[in-house]
Amino acid sequence: MLGIYTSYKCTSCKNEFVLLSEDIRKMTKDRYLVCPYCNSKRVVVGKVTDSLRECMQESSYRRYKGAITQRR
């Protein structure tokens, strides 16, 4: 069974985005996937999950009082 959501990461601008797996399956016959932020074709598939929370559960790093800390 395929997951509902698929996460992608652009290798040129390093942004992540999530798309529905069913829409990607329909679209990939005669088209290609690009980054919605920078229009680059260099997109890497992340993971396929059923819930959007699992798909976007990556850690982020922020600068807090001069030190870089990990946030969820």
PDB file of N, CA and C in Angstrom:
ATOM      1  N   MET A   1       0.836  -1.184   0.000  1.00  0.00           N
ATOM      2  CA  MET A   1       0.000   0.000   0.000  1.00  0.00           C
ATOM      3  C   MET A   1       0.877   1.242   0.000  1.00  0.00           C
ATOM      4  N   LEU A   2       0.541   2.163  -0.842  1.00  0.00           N
ATOM      5  CA  LEU A   2       1.271   3.411  -0.895  1.00  0.00           C
ATOM      6  C   LEU A   2       0.810   4.351   0.207  1.00  0.00           C
ATOM      7  N   GLY A   3       1.728   5.208   0.661  1.00  0.00           N
ATOM      8  CA  GLY A   3       1.360   6.221   1.630  1.00  0.00           C
ATOM      9  C   GLY A   3       0.599   7.350   0.953  1.00  0.00           C
ATOM     10  N   ILE A   4      -0.021   8.174   1.741  1.00  0.00           N
ATOM     11  CA  ILE A   4      -0.820   9.264   1.201  1.00  0.00           C
ATOM     12  C   ILE A   4       0.067  10.437   0.811  1.00  0.00           C
ATOM     13  N   TYR A   5       1.069  10.745   1.623  1.00  0.00           N
ATOM     14  CA  TYR A   5       1.930  11.902   1.399  1.00  0.00           C
ATOM     15  C   TYR A   5       3.351  11.477   1.050  1.00  0.00           C
ATOM     16  N   THR A   6       4.030  12.287   0.245  1.00  0.00           N
ATOM     17  CA  THR A   6       5.431  12.069  -0.087  1.00  0.00           C
ATOM     18  C   THR A   6       6.171  13.371   0.128  1.00  0.00           C
ATOM     19  N   SER A   7       7.278  13.309   0.857  1.00  0.00           N
ATOM     20  CA  SER A   7       8.057  14.523   1.087  1.00  0.00           C
ATOM     21  C   SER A   7       9.213  14.570   0.096  1.00  0.00           C
ATOM     22  N   TYR A   8       9.553  15.772  -0.323  1.00  0.00           N
ATOM     23  CA  TYR A   8      10.623  16.009  -1.277  1.00  0.00           C
ATOM     24  C   TYR A   8      11.540  17.095  -0.737  1.00  0.00           C
ATOM     25  N   LYS A   9      12.808  17.053  -1.142  1.00  0.00           N
ATOM     26  CA  LYS A   9      13.766  18.081  -0.749  1.00  0.00           C
ATOM     27  C   LYS A   9      14.530  18.526  -1.990  1.00  0.00           C
ATOM     28  N   CYS A  10      14.619  19.825  -2.172  1.00  0.00           N
ATOM     29  CA  CYS A  10      15.339  20.391  -3.301  1.00  0.00           C
ATOM     30  C   CYS A  10      16.828  20.449  -2.952  1.00  0.00           C
ATOM     31  N   THR A  11      17.670  19.997  -3.863  1.00  0.00           N
ATOM     32  CA  THR A  11      19.102  19.998  -3.574  1.00  0.00           C
ATOM     33  C   THR A  11      19.755  21.341  -3.853  1.00  0.00           C
ATOM     34  N   SER A  12      19.101  22.225  -4.585  1.00  0.00           N
ATOM     35  CA  SER A  12      19.719  23.517  -4.862  1.00  0.00           C
ATOM     36  C   SER A  12      19.368  24.566  -3.807  1.00  0.00           C
ATOM     37  N   CYS A  13      18.097  24.654  -3.380  1.00  0.00           N
ATOM     38  CA  CYS A  13      17.721  25.668  -2.383  1.00  0.00           C
ATOM     39  C   CYS A  13      17.512  25.082  -0.990  1.00  0.00           C
ATOM     40  N   LYS A  14      17.581  23.754  -0.835  1.00  0.00           N
ATOM     41  CA  LYS A  14      17.469  23.035   0.440  1.00  0.00           C
ATOM     42  C   LYS A  14      16.108  23.174   1.126  1.00  0.00           C
ATOM     43  N   ASN A  15      15.065  23.544   0.398  1.00  0.00           N
ATOM     44  CA  ASN A  15      13.721  23.621   0.965  1.00  0.00           C
ATOM     45  C   ASN A  15      13.012  22.287   0.809  1.00  0.00           C
ATOM     46  N   GLU A  16      12.089  22.007   1.741  1.00  0.00           N
ATOM     47  CA  GLU A  16      11.317  20.775   1.709  1.00  0.00           C
ATOM     48  C   GLU A  16       9.862  21.091   1.403  1.00  0.00           C
ATOM     49  N   PHE A  17       9.206  20.171   0.694  1.00  0.00           N
ATOM     50  CA  PHE A  17       7.785  20.323   0.418  1.00  0.00           C
ATOM     51  C   PHE A  17       7.139  18.959   0.374  1.00  0.00           C
ATOM     52  N   VAL A  18       5.816  18.925   0.559  1.00  0.00           N
ATOM     53  CA  VAL A  18       5.057  17.677   0.649  1.00  0.00           C
ATOM     54  C   VAL A  18       3.976  17.689  -0.422  1.00  0.00           C
ATOM     55  N   LEU A  19       3.813  16.560  -1.116  1.00  0.00           N
ATOM     56  CA  LEU A  19       2.786  16.418  -2.145  1.00  0.00           C
ATOM     57  C   LEU A  19       2.007  15.132  -1.908  1.00  0.00           C
ATOM     58  N   LEU A  20       0.819  15.059  -2.461  1.00  0.00           N
ATOM     59  CA  LEU A  20       0.013  13.842  -2.387  1.00  0.00           C
ATOM     60  C   LEU A  20       0.574  12.800  -3.349  1.00  0.00           C
ATOM     61  N   SER A  21       0.717  11.585  -2.893  1.00  0.00           N
ATOM     62  CA  SER A  21       1.300  10.517  -3.712  1.00  0.00           C
ATOM     63  C   SER A  21       0.434  10.184  -4.923  1.00  0.00           C
ATOM     64  N   GLU A  22      -0.859  10.254  -4.769  1.00  0.00           N
ATOM     65  CA  GLU A  22      -1.766   9.938  -5.875  1.00  0.00           C
ATOM     66  C   GLU A  22      -1.621  10.947  -7.017  1.00  0.00           C
ATOM     67  N   ASP A  23      -1.470  12.225  -6.688  1.00  0.00           N
ATOM     68  CA  ASP A  23      -1.292  13.246  -7.716  1.00  0.00           C
ATOM     69  C   ASP A  23       0.027  13.072  -8.457  1.00  0.00           C
ATOM     70  N   ILE A  24       1.057  12.659  -7.753  1.00  0.00           N
ATOM     71  CA  ILE A  24       2.361  12.440  -8.379  1.00  0.00           C
ATOM     72  C   ILE A  24       2.285  11.262  -9.346  1.00  0.00           C
ATOM     73  N   ARG A  25       1.591  10.201  -8.956  1.00  0.00           N
ATOM     74  CA  ARG A  25       1.445   9.033  -9.819  1.00  0.00           C
ATOM     75  C   ARG A  25       0.725   9.389 -11.118  1.00  0.00           C
ATOM     76  N   LYS A  26      -0.298  10.209 -11.039  1.00  0.00           N
ATOM     77  CA  LYS A  26      -1.042  10.619 -12.232  1.00  0.00           C
ATOM     78  C   LYS A  26      -0.210  11.536 -13.131  1.00  0.00           C
ATOM     79  N   MET A  27       0.611  12.373 -12.533  1.00  0.00           N
ATOM     80  CA  MET A  27       1.326  13.408 -13.258  1.00  0.00           C
ATOM     81  C   MET A  27       2.580  12.902 -13.955  1.00  0.00           C
ATOM     82  N   THR A  28       3.246  11.896 -13.453  1.00  0.00           N
ATOM     83  CA  THR A  28       4.582  11.540 -13.921  1.00  0.00           C
ATOM     84  C   THR A  28       4.636  10.830 -15.269  1.00  0.00           C
ATOM     85  N   LYS A  29       3.546  10.649 -15.947  1.00  0.00           N
ATOM     86  CA  LYS A  29       3.596  10.003 -17.253  1.00  0.00           C
ATOM     87  C   LYS A  29       4.368  10.832 -18.270  1.00  0.00           C
ATOM     88  N   ASP A  30       3.993  12.088 -18.414  1.00  0.00           N
ATOM     89  CA  ASP A  30       4.621  12.917 -19.439  1.00  0.00           C
ATOM     90  C   ASP A  30       5.159  14.238 -18.900  1.00  0.00           C
ATOM     91  N   ARG A  31       5.276  14.357 -17.600  1.00  0.00           N
ATOM     92  CA  ARG A  31       5.779  15.589 -16.986  1.00  0.00           C
ATOM     93  C   ARG A  31       6.872  15.263 -15.987  1.00  0.00           C
ATOM     94  N   TYR A  32       7.517  16.301 -15.491  1.00  0.00           N
ATOM     95  CA  TYR A  32       8.561  16.116 -14.481  1.00  0.00           C
ATOM     96  C   TYR A  32       8.268  17.013 -13.283  1.00  0.00           C
ATOM     97  N   LEU A  33       8.891  16.711 -12.171  1.00  0.00           N
ATOM     98  CA  LEU A  33       8.651  17.401 -10.912  1.00  0.00           C
ATOM     99  C   LEU A  33       9.721  18.459 -10.695  1.00  0.00           C
ATOM    100  N   VAL A  34       9.316  19.670 -10.297  1.00  0.00           N
ATOM    101  CA  VAL A  34      10.251  20.751  -9.997  1.00  0.00           C
ATOM    102  C   VAL A  34       9.963  21.306  -8.611  1.00  0.00           C
ATOM    103  N   CYS A  35      10.928  21.994  -8.060  1.00  0.00           N
ATOM    104  CA  CYS A  35      10.796  22.645  -6.757  1.00  0.00           C
ATOM    105  C   CYS A  35       9.859  23.854  -6.902  1.00  0.00           C
ATOM    106  N   PRO A  36       8.865  23.998  -6.011  1.00  0.00           N
ATOM    107  CA  PRO A  36       7.959  25.152  -6.111  1.00  0.00           C
ATOM    108  C   PRO A  36       8.604  26.466  -5.683  1.00  0.00           C
ATOM    109  N   TYR A  37       9.765  26.410  -5.037  1.00  0.00           N
ATOM    110  CA  TYR A  37      10.427  27.611  -4.560  1.00  0.00           C
ATOM    111  C   TYR A  37      11.389  28.205  -5.585  1.00  0.00           C
ATOM    112  N   CYS A  38      12.197  27.344  -6.225  1.00  0.00           N
ATOM    113  CA  CYS A  38      13.234  27.853  -7.127  1.00  0.00           C
ATOM    114  C   CYS A  38      13.135  27.289  -8.546  1.00  0.00           C
ATOM    115  N   ASN A  39      12.161  26.438  -8.835  1.00  0.00           N
ATOM    116  CA  ASN A  39      11.940  25.817 -10.144  1.00  0.00           C
ATOM    117  C   ASN A  39      13.114  24.963 -10.622  1.00  0.00           C
ATOM    118  N   SER A  40      13.806  24.338  -9.716  1.00  0.00           N
ATOM    119  CA  SER A  40      14.912  23.455 -10.058  1.00  0.00           C
ATOM    120  C   SER A  40      14.390  22.026 -10.238  1.00  0.00           C
ATOM    121  N   LYS A  41      14.994  21.296 -11.177  1.00  0.00           N
ATOM    122  CA  LYS A  41      14.613  19.897 -11.402  1.00  0.00           C
ATOM    123  C   LYS A  41      15.315  18.953 -10.436  1.00  0.00           C
ATOM    124  N   ARG A  42      16.271  19.436  -9.671  1.00  0.00           N
ATOM    125  CA  ARG A  42      17.034  18.593  -8.755  1.00  0.00           C
ATOM    126  C   ARG A  42      16.271  18.399  -7.450  1.00  0.00           C
ATOM    127  N   VAL A  43      15.355  17.436  -7.451  1.00  0.00           N
ATOM    128  CA  VAL A  43      14.497  17.144  -6.313  1.00  0.00           C
ATOM    129  C   VAL A  43      14.739  15.706  -5.881  1.00  0.00           C
ATOM    130  N   VAL A  44      14.904  15.500  -4.574  1.00  0.00           N
ATOM    131  CA  VAL A  44      15.161  14.181  -4.010  1.00  0.00           C
ATOM    132  C   VAL A  44      13.939  13.751  -3.203  1.00  0.00           C
ATOM    133  N   VAL A  45      13.538  12.501  -3.360  1.00  0.00           N
ATOM    134  CA  VAL A  45      12.381  11.976  -2.627  1.00  0.00           C
ATOM    135  C   VAL A  45      12.776  11.702  -1.191  1.00  0.00           C
ATOM    136  N   GLY A  46      11.955  12.180  -0.259  1.00  0.00           N
ATOM    137  CA  GLY A  46      12.181  11.947   1.164  1.00  0.00           C
ATOM    138  C   GLY A  46      11.571  10.632   1.586  1.00  0.00           C
ATOM    139  N   LYS A  47      10.484  10.687   2.346  1.00  0.00           N
ATOM    140  CA  LYS A  47       9.827   9.452   2.764  1.00  0.00           C
ATOM    141  C   LYS A  47       8.342   9.521   2.462  1.00  0.00           C
ATOM    142  N   VAL A  48       7.734   8.345   2.341  1.00  0.00           N
ATOM    143  CA  VAL A  48       6.319   8.222   2.032  1.00  0.00           C
ATOM    144  C   VAL A  48       5.610   7.767   3.296  1.00  0.00           C
ATOM    145  N   THR A  49       4.624   8.543   3.764  1.00  0.00           N
ATOM    146  CA  THR A  49       3.916   8.199   4.994  1.00  0.00           C
ATOM    147  C   THR A  49       2.419   8.403   4.815  1.00  0.00           C
ATOM    148  N   ASP A  50       1.670   7.896   5.798  1.00  0.00           N
ATOM    149  CA  ASP A  50       0.226   8.073   5.797  1.00  0.00           C
ATOM    150  C   ASP A  50      -0.190   9.351   6.511  1.00  0.00           C
ATOM    151  N   SER A  51       0.611   9.830   7.446  1.00  0.00           N
ATOM    152  CA  SER A  51       0.230  11.037   8.170  1.00  0.00           C
ATOM    153  C   SER A  51       1.188  12.184   7.841  1.00  0.00           C
ATOM    154  N   LEU A  52       0.655  13.365   7.787  1.00  0.00           N
ATOM    155  CA  LEU A  52       1.439  14.545   7.460  1.00  0.00           C
ATOM    156  C   LEU A  52       2.393  14.904   8.591  1.00  0.00           C
ATOM    157  N   ARG A  53       2.034  14.603   9.824  1.00  0.00           N
ATOM    158  CA  ARG A  53       2.913  14.895  10.963  1.00  0.00           C
ATOM    159  C   ARG A  53       4.209  14.101  10.889  1.00  0.00           C
ATOM    160  N   GLU A  54       4.121  12.831  10.534  1.00  0.00           N
ATOM    161  CA  GLU A  54       5.332  12.014  10.401  1.00  0.00           C
ATOM    162  C   GLU A  54       6.216  12.532   9.287  1.00  0.00           C
ATOM    163  N   CYS A  55       5.587  12.992   8.238  1.00  0.00           N
ATOM    164  CA  CYS A  55       6.328  13.457   7.074  1.00  0.00           C
ATOM    165  C   CYS A  55       7.097  14.741   7.378  1.00  0.00           C
ATOM    166  N   MET A  56       6.547  15.610   8.190  1.00  0.00           N
ATOM    167  CA  MET A  56       7.167  16.906   8.481  1.00  0.00           C
ATOM    168  C   MET A  56       7.795  16.953   9.871  1.00  0.00           C
ATOM    169  N   GLN A  57       8.230  15.837  10.411  1.00  0.00           N
ATOM    170  CA  GLN A  57       8.756  15.787  11.764  1.00  0.00           C
ATOM    171  C   GLN A  57      10.270  15.981  11.808  1.00  0.00           C
ATOM    172  N   GLU A  58      10.842  16.618  10.827  1.00  0.00           N
ATOM    173  CA  GLU A  58      12.275  16.872  10.809  1.00  0.00           C
ATOM    174  C   GLU A  58      12.615  17.939  11.839  1.00  0.00           C
ATOM    175  N   SER A  59      13.800  17.886  12.349  1.00  0.00           N
ATOM    176  CA  SER A  59      14.250  18.867  13.331  1.00  0.00           C
ATOM    177  C   SER A  59      14.709  20.134  12.636  1.00  0.00           C
ATOM    178  N   SER A  60      14.517  21.244  13.294  1.00  0.00           N
ATOM    179  CA  SER A  60      15.004  22.513  12.768  1.00  0.00           C
ATOM    180  C   SER A  60      16.013  23.093  13.751  1.00  0.00           C
ATOM    181  N   TYR A  61      16.933  23.846  13.246  1.00  0.00           N
ATOM    182  CA  TYR A  61      17.973  24.443  14.070  1.00  0.00           C
ATOM    183  C   TYR A  61      17.825  25.960  14.024  1.00  0.00           C
ATOM    184  N   ARG A  62      17.821  26.589  15.206  1.00  0.00           N
ATOM    185  CA  ARG A  62      17.683  28.036  15.325  1.00  0.00           C
ATOM    186  C   ARG A  62      18.797  28.585  16.202  1.00  0.00           C
ATOM    187  N   ARG A  63      19.133  29.826  15.948  1.00  0.00           N
ATOM    188  CA  ARG A  63      20.134  30.486  16.777  1.00  0.00           C
ATOM    189  C   ARG A  63      19.427  31.128  17.966  1.00  0.00           C
ATOM    190  N   TYR A  64      19.815  30.763  19.186  1.00  0.00           N
ATOM    191  CA  TYR A  64      19.226  31.275  20.402  1.00  0.00           C
ATOM    192  C   TYR A  64      20.330  31.776  21.311  1.00  0.00           C
ATOM    193  N   LYS A  65      20.396  33.100  21.498  1.00  0.00           N
ATOM    194  CA  LYS A  65      21.413  33.759  22.333  1.00  0.00           C
ATOM    195  C   LYS A  65      22.829  33.381  21.895  1.00  0.00           C
ATOM    196  N   GLY A  66      23.057  33.356  20.609  1.00  0.00           N
ATOM    197  CA  GLY A  66      24.377  33.097  20.073  1.00  0.00           C
ATOM    198  C   GLY A  66      24.724  31.638  19.833  1.00  0.00           C
ATOM    199  N   ALA A  67      23.944  30.725  20.384  1.00  0.00           N
ATOM    200  CA  ALA A  67      24.213  29.297  20.208  1.00  0.00           C
ATOM    201  C   ALA A  67      23.141  28.683  19.301  1.00  0.00           C
ATOM    202  N   ILE A  68      23.545  27.698  18.532  1.00  0.00           N
ATOM    203  CA  ILE A  68      22.594  27.009  17.666  1.00  0.00           C
ATOM    204  C   ILE A  68      21.961  25.869  18.454  1.00  0.00           C
ATOM    205  N   THR A  69      20.618  25.873  18.508  1.00  0.00           N
ATOM    206  CA  THR A  69      19.886  24.864  19.261  1.00  0.00           C
ATOM    207  C   THR A  69      18.941  24.116  18.338  1.00  0.00           C
ATOM    208  N   GLN A  70      18.617  22.899  18.715  1.00  0.00           N
ATOM    209  CA  GLN A  70      17.716  22.068  17.935  1.00  0.00           C
ATOM    210  C   GLN A  70      16.295  22.239  18.469  1.00  0.00           C
ATOM    211  N   ARG A  71      15.340  22.485  17.553  1.00  0.00           N
ATOM    212  CA  ARG A  71      13.958  22.661  17.940  1.00  0.00           C
ATOM    213  C   ARG A  71      13.093  21.679  17.175  1.00  0.00           C
ATOM    214  N   ARG A  72      11.975  21.320  17.746  1.00  0.00           N
ATOM    215  CA  ARG A  72      11.022  20.417  17.061  1.00  0.00           C
ATOM    216  C   ARG A  72       9.755  21.124  16.761  1.00  0.00           C
TER     217      ARG A  72
END
